[in-house]
Amino acid sequence: MAIAEEHLRVEVLPGPDRVVLALHGELDLLGVPLLEEELEKVEADAPAIVVLDLQDLQFVDSAGLRVILAAHKRSREQGKELALTPGSEQVQRLFAIAGVSEHLCIIGSPDELLG
């Protein structure tokens, strides 16, 4: 797991009304298990809002996108919110190409109010 942690780092920042997972590095096949593990831990605590902070994420591939979409689906099924901050140009381009941008709640910063 050490290689995955060098490749992708997930910083968990609990707050009063949300938990922020700040992603640093690259979210691809190698980093997916680490993000899935952190999401499972956070979701077990059942916060009302989970924010994936992608501001320091340089790259995401289809495996990473799948994990984000699965987390989005779980949050909706549980009546919770999943929000994302915009990532790099590559990350935003992948979301646009995949046609998922309009389905995800994208906010300007991790502490932005959700409406």
PDB file of N, CA and C in Angstrom:
ATOM      1  N   MET A   1       0.822  -1.194   0.000  1.00  0.00           N
ATOM      2  CA  MET A   1       0.000   0.000   0.000  1.00  0.00           C
ATOM      3  C   MET A   1       0.865   1.256   0.000  1.00  0.00           C
ATOM      4  N   ALA A   2       2.120   1.136   0.334  1.00  0.00           N
ATOM      5  CA  ALA A   2       2.998   2.305   0.400  1.00  0.00           C
ATOM      6  C   ALA A   2       3.095   3.005  -0.958  1.00  0.00           C
ATOM      7  N   ILE A   3       3.144   2.225  -2.033  1.00  0.00           N
ATOM      8  CA  ILE A   3       3.227   2.827  -3.369  1.00  0.00           C
ATOM      9  C   ILE A   3       1.953   3.614  -3.662  1.00  0.00           C
ATOM     10  N   ALA A   4       0.796   3.054  -3.331  1.00  0.00           N
ATOM     11  CA  ALA A   4      -0.467   3.747  -3.569  1.00  0.00           C
ATOM     12  C   ALA A   4      -0.522   5.043  -2.766  1.00  0.00           C
ATOM     13  N   GLU A   5      -0.023   5.017  -1.543  1.00  0.00           N
ATOM     14  CA  GLU A   5      -0.067   6.213  -0.708  1.00  0.00           C
ATOM     15  C   GLU A   5       0.870   7.302  -1.234  1.00  0.00           C
ATOM     16  N   GLU A   6       1.939   6.914  -1.920  1.00  0.00           N
ATOM     17  CA  GLU A   6       2.817   7.906  -2.536  1.00  0.00           C
ATOM     18  C   GLU A   6       2.167   8.472  -3.796  1.00  0.00           C
ATOM     19  N   HIS A   7       1.381   7.663  -4.442  1.00  0.00           N
ATOM     20  CA  HIS A   7       0.703   8.002  -5.683  1.00  0.00           C
ATOM     21  C   HIS A   7      -0.513   8.904  -5.414  1.00  0.00           C
ATOM     22  N   LEU A   8      -1.287   8.527  -4.383  1.00  0.00           N
ATOM     23  CA  LEU A   8      -2.479   9.270  -3.985  1.00  0.00           C
ATOM     24  C   LEU A   8      -2.462   9.398  -2.472  1.00  0.00           C
ATOM     25  N   ARG A   9      -2.711  10.609  -2.009  1.00  0.00           N
ATOM     26  CA  ARG A   9      -2.825  10.831  -0.568  1.00  0.00           C
ATOM     27  C   ARG A   9      -4.216  11.395  -0.307  1.00  0.00           C
ATOM     28  N   VAL A  10      -4.887  10.815   0.699  1.00  0.00           N
ATOM     29  CA  VAL A  10      -6.229  11.272   1.066  1.00  0.00           C
ATOM     30  C   VAL A  10      -6.163  11.810   2.485  1.00  0.00           C
ATOM     31  N   GLU A  11      -6.439  13.095   2.614  1.00  0.00           N
ATOM     32  CA  GLU A  11      -6.426  13.764   3.914  1.00  0.00           C
ATOM     33  C   GLU A  11      -7.879  13.925   4.367  1.00  0.00           C
ATOM     34  N   VAL A  12      -8.197  13.374   5.544  1.00  0.00           N
ATOM     35  CA  VAL A  12      -9.558  13.441   6.068  1.00  0.00           C
ATOM     36  C   VAL A  12      -9.648  14.601   7.055  1.00  0.00           C
ATOM     37  N   LEU A  13     -10.546  15.549   6.759  1.00  0.00           N
ATOM     38  CA  LEU A  13     -10.698  16.761   7.566  1.00  0.00           C
ATOM     39  C   LEU A  13     -12.139  16.854   8.072  1.00  0.00           C
ATOM     40  N   PRO A  14     -12.394  16.365   9.299  1.00  0.00           N
ATOM     41  CA  PRO A  14     -13.756  16.440   9.831  1.00  0.00           C
ATOM     42  C   PRO A  14     -14.111  17.869  10.221  1.00  0.00           C
ATOM     43  N   GLY A  15     -15.343  18.249   9.960  1.00  0.00           N
ATOM     44  CA  GLY A  15     -15.823  19.577  10.322  1.00  0.00           C
ATOM     45  C   GLY A  15     -17.147  19.462  11.044  1.00  0.00           C
ATOM     46  N   PRO A  16     -17.731  20.583  11.434  1.00  0.00           N
ATOM     47  CA  PRO A  16     -18.977  20.549  12.201  1.00  0.00           C
ATOM     48  C   PRO A  16     -20.168  19.976  11.421  1.00  0.00           C
ATOM     49  N   ASP A  17     -20.234  20.259  10.113  1.00  0.00           N
ATOM     50  CA  ASP A  17     -21.390  19.787   9.347  1.00  0.00           C
ATOM     51  C   ASP A  17     -21.009  18.915   8.155  1.00  0.00           C
ATOM     52  N   ARG A  18     -19.728  18.614   8.024  1.00  0.00           N
ATOM     53  CA  ARG A  18     -19.277  17.828   6.871  1.00  0.00           C
ATOM     54  C   ARG A  18     -17.911  17.202   7.144  1.00  0.00           C
ATOM     55  N   VAL A  19     -17.591  16.232   6.318  1.00  0.00           N
ATOM     56  CA  VAL A  19     -16.246  15.661   6.326  1.00  0.00           C
ATOM     57  C   VAL A  19     -15.663  15.916   4.946  1.00  0.00           C
ATOM     58  N   VAL A  20     -14.460  16.462   4.926  1.00  0.00           N
ATOM     59  CA  VAL A  20     -13.779  16.744   3.666  1.00  0.00           C
ATOM     60  C   VAL A  20     -12.693  15.707   3.466  1.00  0.00           C
ATOM     61  N   LEU A  21     -12.664  15.094   2.295  1.00  0.00           N
ATOM     62  CA  LEU A  21     -11.566  14.225   1.899  1.00  0.00           C
ATOM     63  C   LEU A  21     -10.786  14.981   0.839  1.00  0.00           C
ATOM     64  N   ALA A  22      -9.609  15.461   1.217  1.00  0.00           N
ATOM     65  CA  ALA A  22      -8.762  16.208   0.288  1.00  0.00           C
ATOM     66  C   ALA A  22      -7.859  15.210  -0.428  1.00  0.00           C
ATOM     67  N   LEU A  23      -7.976  15.150  -1.758  1.00  0.00           N
ATOM     68  CA  LEU A  23      -7.195  14.212  -2.555  1.00  0.00           C
ATOM     69  C   LEU A  23      -5.986  14.921  -3.148  1.00  0.00           C
ATOM     70  N   HIS A  24      -4.832  14.310  -2.983  1.00  0.00           N
ATOM     71  CA  HIS A  24      -3.574  14.872  -3.490  1.00  0.00           C
ATOM     72  C   HIS A  24      -2.904  13.823  -4.377  1.00  0.00           C
ATOM     73  N   GLY A  25      -2.559  14.213  -5.594  1.00  0.00           N
ATOM     74  CA  GLY A  25      -1.839  13.296  -6.479  1.00  0.00           C
ATOM     75  C   GLY A  25      -2.691  12.838  -7.636  1.00  0.00           C
ATOM     76  N   GLU A  26      -2.719  11.505  -7.838  1.00  0.00           N
ATOM     77  CA  GLU A  26      -3.414  10.923  -8.976  1.00  0.00           C
ATOM     78  C   GLU A  26      -4.380   9.843  -8.523  1.00  0.00           C
ATOM     79  N   LEU A  27      -5.614   9.930  -9.009  1.00  0.00           N
ATOM     80  CA  LEU A  27      -6.640   8.934  -8.695  1.00  0.00           C
ATOM     81  C   LEU A  27      -6.832   8.055  -9.922  1.00  0.00           C
ATOM     82  N   ASP A  28      -6.131   6.927  -9.905  1.00  0.00           N
ATOM     83  CA  ASP A  28      -6.268   5.961 -10.986  1.00  0.00           C
ATOM     84  C   ASP A  28      -6.362   4.578 -10.365  1.00  0.00           C
ATOM     85  N   LEU A  29      -6.205   3.554 -11.171  1.00  0.00           N
ATOM     86  CA  LEU A  29      -6.354   2.178 -10.707  1.00  0.00           C
ATOM     87  C   LEU A  29      -5.520   1.893  -9.462  1.00  0.00           C
ATOM     88  N   LEU A  30      -4.352   2.475  -9.374  1.00  0.00           N
ATOM     89  CA  LEU A  30      -3.473   2.263  -8.228  1.00  0.00           C
ATOM     90  C   LEU A  30      -4.009   2.935  -6.958  1.00  0.00           C
ATOM     91  N   GLY A  31      -4.593   4.111  -7.094  1.00  0.00           N
ATOM     92  CA  GLY A  31      -5.066   4.857  -5.930  1.00  0.00           C
ATOM     93  C   GLY A  31      -6.495   4.560  -5.506  1.00  0.00           C
ATOM     94  N   VAL A  32      -7.263   3.899  -6.377  1.00  0.00           N
ATOM     95  CA  VAL A  32      -8.672   3.620  -6.098  1.00  0.00           C
ATOM     96  C   VAL A  32      -8.897   2.895  -4.769  1.00  0.00           C
ATOM     97  N   PRO A  33      -8.160   1.818  -4.461  1.00  0.00           N
ATOM     98  CA  PRO A  33      -8.417   1.121  -3.194  1.00  0.00           C
ATOM     99  C   PRO A  33      -8.252   2.023  -1.972  1.00  0.00           C
ATOM    100  N   LEU A  34      -7.300   2.933  -2.004  1.00  0.00           N
ATOM    101  CA  LEU A  34      -7.090   3.846  -0.888  1.00  0.00           C
ATOM    102  C   LEU A  34      -8.294   4.768  -0.714  1.00  0.00           C
ATOM    103  N   LEU A  35      -8.803   5.334  -1.804  1.00  0.00           N
ATOM    104  CA  LEU A  35      -9.967   6.213  -1.711  1.00  0.00           C
ATOM    105  C   LEU A  35     -11.194   5.419  -1.253  1.00  0.00           C
ATOM    106  N   GLU A  36     -11.381   4.219  -1.790  1.00  0.00           N
ATOM    107  CA  GLU A  36     -12.525   3.394  -1.380  1.00  0.00           C
ATOM    108  C   GLU A  36     -12.475   3.115   0.118  1.00  0.00           C
ATOM    109  N   GLU A  37     -11.298   2.806   0.629  1.00  0.00           N
ATOM    110  CA  GLU A  37     -11.127   2.530   2.053  1.00  0.00           C
ATOM    111  C   GLU A  37     -11.480   3.758   2.900  1.00  0.00           C
ATOM    112  N   GLU A  38     -10.997   4.921   2.494  1.00  0.00           N
ATOM    113  CA  GLU A  38     -11.278   6.152   3.248  1.00  0.00           C
ATOM    114  C   GLU A  38     -12.761   6.511   3.167  1.00  0.00           C
ATOM    115  N   LEU A  39     -13.370   6.325   2.003  1.00  0.00           N
ATOM    116  CA  LEU A  39     -14.800   6.594   1.866  1.00  0.00           C
ATOM    117  C   LEU A  39     -15.620   5.682   2.772  1.00  0.00           C
ATOM    118  N   GLU A  40     -15.254   4.399   2.844  1.00  0.00           N
ATOM    119  CA  GLU A  40     -15.963   3.459   3.717  1.00  0.00           C
ATOM    120  C   GLU A  40     -15.909   3.915   5.165  1.00  0.00           C
ATOM    121  N   LYS A  41     -14.730   4.334   5.622  1.00  0.00           N
ATOM    122  CA  LYS A  41     -14.583   4.804   7.007  1.00  0.00           C
ATOM    123  C   LYS A  41     -15.459   6.020   7.259  1.00  0.00           C
ATOM    124  N   VAL A  42     -15.410   6.991   6.352  1.00  0.00           N
ATOM    125  CA  VAL A  42     -16.173   8.228   6.517  1.00  0.00           C
ATOM    126  C   VAL A  42     -17.672   7.943   6.461  1.00  0.00           C
ATOM    127  N   GLU A  43     -18.099   7.138   5.496  1.00  0.00           N
ATOM    128  CA  GLU A  43     -19.521   6.841   5.344  1.00  0.00           C
ATOM    129  C   GLU A  43     -20.067   6.076   6.544  1.00  0.00           C
ATOM    130  N   ALA A  44     -19.236   5.295   7.216  1.00  0.00           N
ATOM    131  CA  ALA A  44     -19.659   4.553   8.410  1.00  0.00           C
ATOM    132  C   ALA A  44     -20.083   5.504   9.524  1.00  0.00           C
ATOM    133  N   ASP A  45     -19.474   6.703   9.562  1.00  0.00           N
ATOM    134  CA  ASP A  45     -19.830   7.717  10.561  1.00  0.00           C
ATOM    135  C   ASP A  45     -21.076   8.499  10.156  1.00  0.00           C
ATOM    136  N   ALA A  46     -21.573   8.263   8.955  1.00  0.00           N
ATOM    137  CA  ALA A  46     -22.802   8.851   8.427  1.00  0.00           C
ATOM    138  C   ALA A  46     -22.884  10.376   8.529  1.00  0.00           C
ATOM    139  N   PRO A  47     -21.869  11.104   8.032  1.00  0.00           N
ATOM    140  CA  PRO A  47     -22.002  12.567   8.021  1.00  0.00           C
ATOM    141  C   PRO A  47     -23.057  12.980   6.992  1.00  0.00           C
ATOM    142  N   ALA A  48     -23.691  14.122   7.220  1.00  0.00           N
ATOM    143  CA  ALA A  48     -24.718  14.610   6.293  1.00  0.00           C
ATOM    144  C   ALA A  48     -24.103  14.998   4.955  1.00  0.00           C
ATOM    145  N   ILE A  49     -22.871  15.524   5.004  1.00  0.00           N
ATOM    146  CA  ILE A  49     -22.206  15.984   3.786  1.00  0.00           C
ATOM    147  C   ILE A  49     -20.785  15.434   3.735  1.00  0.00           C
ATOM    148  N   VAL A  50     -20.424  14.881   2.605  1.00  0.00           N
ATOM    149  CA  VAL A  50     -19.047  14.492   2.335  1.00  0.00           C
ATOM    150  C   VAL A  50     -18.586  15.323   1.148  1.00  0.00           C
ATOM    151  N   VAL A  51     -17.430  15.961   1.300  1.00  0.00           N
ATOM    152  CA  VAL A  51     -16.872  16.764   0.217  1.00  0.00           C
ATOM    153  C   VAL A  51     -15.582  16.111  -0.239  1.00  0.00           C
ATOM    154  N   LEU A  52     -15.488  15.844  -1.532  1.00  0.00           N
ATOM    155  CA  LEU A  52     -14.234  15.394  -2.123  1.00  0.00           C
ATOM    156  C   LEU A  52     -13.550  16.635  -2.671  1.00  0.00           C
ATOM    157  N   ASP A  53     -12.476  17.037  -2.005  1.00  0.00           N
ATOM    158  CA  ASP A  53     -11.729  18.222  -2.422  1.00  0.00           C
ATOM    159  C   ASP A  53     -10.701  17.781  -3.462  1.00  0.00           C
ATOM    160  N   LEU A  54     -10.958  18.118  -4.710  1.00  0.00           N
ATOM    161  CA  LEU A  54     -10.117  17.674  -5.827  1.00  0.00           C
ATOM    162  C   LEU A  54      -9.130  18.750  -6.273  1.00  0.00           C
ATOM    163  N   GLN A  55      -9.023  19.847  -5.509  1.00  0.00           N
ATOM    164  CA  GLN A  55      -8.199  20.976  -5.937  1.00  0.00           C
ATOM    165  C   GLN A  55      -6.736  20.600  -6.158  1.00  0.00           C
ATOM    166  N   ASP A  56      -6.242  19.594  -5.427  1.00  0.00           N
ATOM    167  CA  ASP A  56      -4.843  19.183  -5.566  1.00  0.00           C
ATOM    168  C   ASP A  56      -4.721  17.827  -6.274  1.00  0.00           C
ATOM    169  N   LEU A  57      -5.779  17.443  -6.977  1.00  0.00           N
ATOM    170  CA  LEU A  57      -5.765  16.190  -7.728  1.00  0.00           C
ATOM    171  C   LEU A  57      -5.328  16.505  -9.155  1.00  0.00           C
ATOM    172  N   GLN A  58      -4.194  15.945  -9.572  1.00  0.00           N
ATOM    173  CA  GLN A  58      -3.663  16.251 -10.897  1.00  0.00           C
ATOM    174  C   GLN A  58      -4.280  15.403 -12.004  1.00  0.00           C
ATOM    175  N   PHE A  59      -4.730  14.188 -11.644  1.00  0.00           N
ATOM    176  CA  PHE A  59      -5.172  13.256 -12.685  1.00  0.00           C
ATOM    177  C   PHE A  59      -6.223  12.318 -12.116  1.00  0.00           C
ATOM    178  N   VAL A  60      -7.214  11.987 -12.929  1.00  0.00           N
ATOM    179  CA  VAL A  60      -8.176  10.941 -12.596  1.00  0.00           C
ATOM    180  C   VAL A  60      -8.455  10.163 -13.877  1.00  0.00           C
ATOM    181  N   ASP A  61      -8.589   8.848 -13.746  1.00  0.00           N
ATOM    182  CA  ASP A  61      -8.927   8.031 -14.911  1.00  0.00           C
ATOM    183  C   ASP A  61     -10.315   7.433 -14.709  1.00  0.00           C
ATOM    184  N   SER A  62     -10.712   6.526 -15.599  1.00  0.00           N
ATOM    185  CA  SER A  62     -12.062   5.971 -15.529  1.00  0.00           C
ATOM    186  C   SER A  62     -12.282   5.179 -14.245  1.00  0.00           C
ATOM    187  N   ALA A  63     -11.253   4.534 -13.706  1.00  0.00           N
ATOM    188  CA  ALA A  63     -11.399   3.795 -12.441  1.00  0.00           C
ATOM    189  C   ALA A  63     -11.686   4.758 -11.299  1.00  0.00           C
ATOM    190  N   GLY A  64     -11.008   5.891 -11.285  1.00  0.00           N
ATOM    191  CA  GLY A  64     -11.251   6.900 -10.267  1.00  0.00           C
ATOM    192  C   GLY A  64     -12.637   7.506 -10.401  1.00  0.00           C
ATOM    193  N   LEU A  65     -13.044   7.759 -11.638  1.00  0.00           N
ATOM    194  CA  LEU A  65     -14.375   8.314 -11.899  1.00  0.00           C
ATOM    195  C   LEU A  65     -15.445   7.346 -11.407  1.00  0.00           C
ATOM    196  N   ARG A  66     -15.229   6.061 -11.614  1.00  0.00           N
ATOM    197  CA  ARG A  66     -16.187   5.035 -11.168  1.00  0.00           C
ATOM    198  C   ARG A  66     -16.386   5.098  -9.662  1.00  0.00           C
ATOM    199  N   VAL A  67     -15.295   5.268  -8.904  1.00  0.00           N
ATOM    200  CA  VAL A  67     -15.381   5.342  -7.442  1.00  0.00           C
ATOM    201  C   VAL A  67     -16.161   6.587  -7.017  1.00  0.00           C
ATOM    202  N   ILE A  68     -15.904   7.706  -7.666  1.00  0.00           N
ATOM    203  CA  ILE A  68     -16.612   8.945  -7.344  1.00  0.00           C
ATOM    204  C   ILE A  68     -18.104   8.795  -7.637  1.00  0.00           C
ATOM    205  N   LEU A  69     -18.439   8.210  -8.784  1.00  0.00           N
ATOM    206  CA  LEU A  69     -19.850   8.028  -9.141  1.00  0.00           C
ATOM    207  C   LEU A  69     -20.539   7.039  -8.205  1.00  0.00           C
ATOM    208  N   ALA A  70     -19.836   5.990  -7.777  1.00  0.00           N
ATOM    209  CA  ALA A  70     -20.404   5.024  -6.827  1.00  0.00           C
ATOM    210  C   ALA A  70     -20.669   5.701  -5.483  1.00  0.00           C
ATOM    211  N   ALA A  71     -19.748   6.559  -5.041  1.00  0.00           N
ATOM    212  CA  ALA A  71     -19.939   7.287  -3.777  1.00  0.00           C
ATOM    213  C   ALA A  71     -21.133   8.242  -3.903  1.00  0.00           C
ATOM    214  N   HIS A  72     -21.260   8.875  -5.062  1.00  0.00           N
ATOM    215  CA  HIS A  72     -22.392   9.777  -5.325  1.00  0.00           C
ATOM    216  C   HIS A  72     -23.707   9.006  -5.227  1.00  0.00           C
ATOM    217  N   LYS A  73     -23.743   7.838  -5.834  1.00  0.00           N
ATOM    218  CA  LYS A  73     -24.963   7.010  -5.819  1.00  0.00           C
ATOM    219  C   LYS A  73     -25.310   6.587  -4.392  1.00  0.00           C
ATOM    220  N   ARG A  74     -24.304   6.146  -3.630  1.00  0.00           N
ATOM    221  CA  ARG A  74     -24.554   5.734  -2.241  1.00  0.00           C
ATOM    222  C   ARG A  74     -25.084   6.896  -1.406  1.00  0.00           C
ATOM    223  N   SER A  75     -24.508   8.077  -1.589  1.00  0.00           N
ATOM    224  CA  SER A  75     -24.947   9.227  -0.796  1.00  0.00           C
ATOM    225  C   SER A  75     -26.405   9.570  -1.108  1.00  0.00           C
ATOM    226  N   ARG A  76     -26.770   9.513  -2.361  1.00  0.00           N
ATOM    227  CA  ARG A  76     -28.163   9.808  -2.743  1.00  0.00           C
ATOM    228  C   ARG A  76     -29.116   8.773  -2.147  1.00  0.00           C
ATOM    229  N   GLU A  77     -28.724   7.496  -2.201  1.00  0.00           N
ATOM    230  CA  GLU A  77     -29.564   6.429  -1.656  1.00  0.00           C
ATOM    231  C   GLU A  77     -29.764   6.587  -0.151  1.00  0.00           C
ATOM    232  N   GLN A  78     -28.771   7.170   0.533  1.00  0.00           N
ATOM    233  CA  GLN A  78     -28.834   7.339   1.988  1.00  0.00           C
ATOM    234  C   GLN A  78     -29.375   8.710   2.386  1.00  0.00           C
ATOM    235  N   GLY A  79     -29.767   9.529   1.405  1.00  0.00           N
ATOM    236  CA  GLY A  79     -30.289  10.855   1.702  1.00  0.00           C
ATOM    237  C   GLY A  79     -29.217  11.823   2.175  1.00  0.00           C
ATOM    238  N   LYS A  80     -27.982  11.594   1.769  1.00  0.00           N
ATOM    239  CA  LYS A  80     -26.847  12.440   2.156  1.00  0.00           C
ATOM    240  C   LYS A  80     -26.406  13.258   0.948  1.00  0.00           C
ATOM    241  N   GLU A  81     -25.446  14.153   1.177  1.00  0.00           N
ATOM    242  CA  GLU A  81     -24.890  14.972   0.100  1.00  0.00           C
ATOM    243  C   GLU A  81     -23.442  14.582  -0.160  1.00  0.00           C
ATOM    244  N   LEU A  82     -23.077  14.481  -1.426  1.00  0.00           N
ATOM    245  CA  LEU A  82     -21.682  14.347  -1.832  1.00  0.00           C
ATOM    246  C   LEU A  82     -21.402  15.529  -2.747  1.00  0.00           C
ATOM    247  N   ALA A  83     -20.394  16.300  -2.390  1.00  0.00           N
ATOM    248  CA  ALA A  83     -20.018  17.459  -3.198  1.00  0.00           C
ATOM    249  C   ALA A  83     -18.552  17.331  -3.582  1.00  0.00           C
ATOM    250  N   LEU A  84     -18.182  17.969  -4.673  1.00  0.00           N
ATOM    251  CA  LEU A  84     -16.797  17.951  -5.139  1.00  0.00           C
ATOM    252  C   LEU A  84     -16.349  19.373  -5.433  1.00  0.00           C
ATOM    253  N   THR A  85     -15.075  19.637  -5.204  1.00  0.00           N
ATOM    254  CA  THR A  85     -14.502  20.890  -5.672  1.00  0.00           C
ATOM    255  C   THR A  85     -13.871  20.605  -7.028  1.00  0.00           C
ATOM    256  N   PRO A  86     -13.750  21.619  -7.882  1.00  0.00           N
ATOM    257  CA  PRO A  86     -13.150  21.381  -9.194  1.00  0.00           C
ATOM    258  C   PRO A  86     -11.699  20.916  -9.046  1.00  0.00           C
ATOM    259  N   GLY A  87     -11.325  19.996  -9.870  1.00  0.00           N
ATOM    260  CA  GLY A  87      -9.938  19.533  -9.881  1.00  0.00           C
ATOM    261  C   GLY A  87      -9.165  20.260 -10.969  1.00  0.00           C
ATOM    262  N   SER A  88      -8.078  19.659 -11.369  1.00  0.00           N
ATOM    263  CA  SER A  88      -7.251  20.225 -12.433  1.00  0.00           C
ATOM    264  C   SER A  88      -8.046  20.277 -13.736  1.00  0.00           C
ATOM    265  N   GLU A  89      -7.459  20.890 -14.715  1.00  0.00           N
ATOM    266  CA  GLU A  89      -8.104  20.972 -16.027  1.00  0.00           C
ATOM    267  C   GLU A  89      -8.389  19.566 -16.569  1.00  0.00           C
ATOM    268  N   GLN A  90      -7.457  18.627 -16.370  1.00  0.00           N
ATOM    269  CA  GLN A  90      -7.646  17.254 -16.840  1.00  0.00           C
ATOM    270  C   GLN A  90      -8.843  16.610 -16.151  1.00  0.00           C
ATOM    271  N   VAL A  91      -8.969  16.812 -14.850  1.00  0.00           N
ATOM    272  CA  VAL A  91     -10.071  16.233 -14.080  1.00  0.00           C
ATOM    273  C   VAL A  91     -11.399  16.813 -14.574  1.00  0.00           C
ATOM    274  N   GLN A  92     -11.461  18.117 -14.735  1.00  0.00           N
ATOM    275  CA  GLN A  92     -12.688  18.760 -15.210  1.00  0.00           C
ATOM    276  C   GLN A  92     -13.036  18.306 -16.628  1.00  0.00           C
ATOM    277  N   ARG A  93     -12.018  18.127 -17.464  1.00  0.00           N
ATOM    278  CA  ARG A  93     -12.249  17.676 -18.839  1.00  0.00           C
ATOM    279  C   ARG A  93     -12.838  16.263 -18.847  1.00  0.00           C
ATOM    280  N   LEU A  94     -12.306  15.364 -17.989  1.00  0.00           N
ATOM    281  CA  LEU A  94     -12.838  14.000 -17.920  1.00  0.00           C
ATOM    282  C   LEU A  94     -14.301  14.020 -17.489  1.00  0.00           C
ATOM    283  N   PHE A  95     -14.639  14.829 -16.481  1.00  0.00           N
ATOM    284  CA  PHE A  95     -16.029  14.926 -16.033  1.00  0.00           C
ATOM    285  C   PHE A  95     -16.921  15.412 -17.171  1.00  0.00           C
ATOM    286  N   ALA A  96     -16.443  16.400 -17.934  1.00  0.00           N
ATOM    287  CA  ALA A  96     -17.225  16.949 -19.044  1.00  0.00           C
ATOM    288  C   ALA A  96     -17.400  15.908 -20.149  1.00  0.00           C
ATOM    289  N   ILE A  97     -16.315  15.226 -20.524  1.00  0.00           N
ATOM    290  CA  ILE A  97     -16.378  14.215 -21.581  1.00  0.00           C
ATOM    291  C   ILE A  97     -17.304  13.074 -21.188  1.00  0.00           C
ATOM    292  N   ALA A  98     -17.233  12.672 -19.908  1.00  0.00           N
ATOM    293  CA  ALA A  98     -18.069  11.573 -19.422  1.00  0.00           C
ATOM    294  C   ALA A  98     -19.522  12.015 -19.225  1.00  0.00           C
ATOM    295  N   GLY A  99     -19.753  13.333 -19.288  1.00  0.00           N
ATOM    296  CA  GLY A  99     -21.110  13.853 -19.149  1.00  0.00           C
ATOM    297  C   GLY A  99     -21.658  13.766 -17.739  1.00  0.00           C
ATOM    298  N   VAL A 100     -20.777  13.806 -16.739  1.00  0.00           N
ATOM    299  CA  VAL A 100     -21.230  13.669 -15.354  1.00  0.00           C
ATOM    300  C   VAL A 100     -21.232  14.989 -14.590  1.00  0.00           C
ATOM    301  N   SER A 101     -20.640  16.026 -15.146  1.00  0.00           N
ATOM    302  CA  SER A 101     -20.539  17.309 -14.438  1.00  0.00           C
ATOM    303  C   SER A 101     -21.891  17.812 -13.951  1.00  0.00           C
ATOM    304  N   GLU A 102     -22.910  17.701 -14.806  1.00  0.00           N
ATOM    305  CA  GLU A 102     -24.221  18.224 -14.427  1.00  0.00           C
ATOM    306  C   GLU A 102     -24.939  17.357 -13.401  1.00  0.00           C
ATOM    307  N   HIS A 103     -24.469  16.131 -13.176  1.00  0.00           N
ATOM    308  CA  HIS A 103     -25.098  15.234 -12.209  1.00  0.00           C
ATOM    309  C   HIS A 103     -24.458  15.331 -10.828  1.00  0.00           C
ATOM    310  N   LEU A 104     -23.249  15.882 -10.768  1.00  0.00           N
ATOM    311  CA  LEU A 104     -22.520  15.988  -9.507  1.00  0.00           C
ATOM    312  C   LEU A 104     -22.689  17.381  -8.923  1.00  0.00           C
ATOM    313  N   CYS A 105     -22.642  17.472  -7.610  1.00  0.00           N
ATOM    314  CA  CYS A 105     -22.706  18.772  -6.932  1.00  0.00           C
ATOM    315  C   CYS A 105     -21.272  19.305  -6.845  1.00  0.00           C
ATOM    316  N   ILE A 106     -20.967  20.299  -7.663  1.00  0.00           N
ATOM    317  CA  ILE A 106     -19.608  20.863  -7.678  1.00  0.00           C
ATOM    318  C   ILE A 106     -19.643  22.241  -7.031  1.00  0.00           C
ATOM    319  N   ILE A 107     -18.801  22.400  -6.011  1.00  0.00           N
ATOM    320  CA  ILE A 107     -18.762  23.638  -5.242  1.00  0.00           C
ATOM    321  C   ILE A 107     -17.380  24.274  -5.383  1.00  0.00           C
ATOM    322  N   GLY A 108     -17.293  25.557  -5.105  1.00  0.00           N
ATOM    323  CA  GLY A 108     -16.047  26.300  -5.307  1.00  0.00           C
ATOM    324  C   GLY A 108     -14.966  25.981  -4.282  1.00  0.00           C
ATOM    325  N   SER A 109     -15.362  25.682  -3.048  1.00  0.00           N
ATOM    326  CA  SER A 109     -14.379  25.385  -2.011  1.00  0.00           C
ATOM    327  C   SER A 109     -14.980  24.382  -1.028  1.00  0.00           C
ATOM    328  N   PRO A 110     -14.140  23.680  -0.259  1.00  0.00           N
ATOM    329  CA  PRO A 110     -14.642  22.643   0.647  1.00  0.00           C
ATOM    330  C   PRO A 110     -15.634  23.130   1.694  1.00  0.00           C
ATOM    331  N   ASP A 111     -15.590  24.418   2.033  1.00  0.00           N
ATOM    332  CA  ASP A 111     -16.479  24.918   3.081  1.00  0.00           C
ATOM    333  C   ASP A 111     -17.661  25.730   2.546  1.00  0.00           C
ATOM    334  N   GLU A 112     -17.835  25.702   1.225  1.00  0.00           N
ATOM    335  CA  GLU A 112     -18.965  26.428   0.617  1.00  0.00           C
ATOM    336  C   GLU A 112     -20.287  25.835   1.072  1.00  0.00           C
ATOM    337  N   LEU A 113     -21.263  26.696   1.283  1.00  0.00           N
ATOM    338  CA  LEU A 113     -22.586  26.232   1.696  1.00  0.00           C
ATOM    339  C   LEU A 113     -23.275  25.535   0.526  1.00  0.00           C
ATOM    340  N   LEU A 114     -23.967  24.460   0.838  1.00  0.00           N
ATOM    341  CA  LEU A 114     -24.704  23.736  -0.191  1.00  0.00           C
ATOM    342  C   LEU A 114     -26.146  24.199  -0.171  1.00  0.00           C
ATOM    343  N   GLY A 115     -26.716  24.354  -1.362  1.00  0.00           N
ATOM    344  CA  GLY A 115     -28.066  24.858  -1.443  1.00  0.00           C
ATOM    345  C   GLY A 115     -29.045  23.877  -1.841  1.00  0.00           C
TER     346      GLY A 115
END
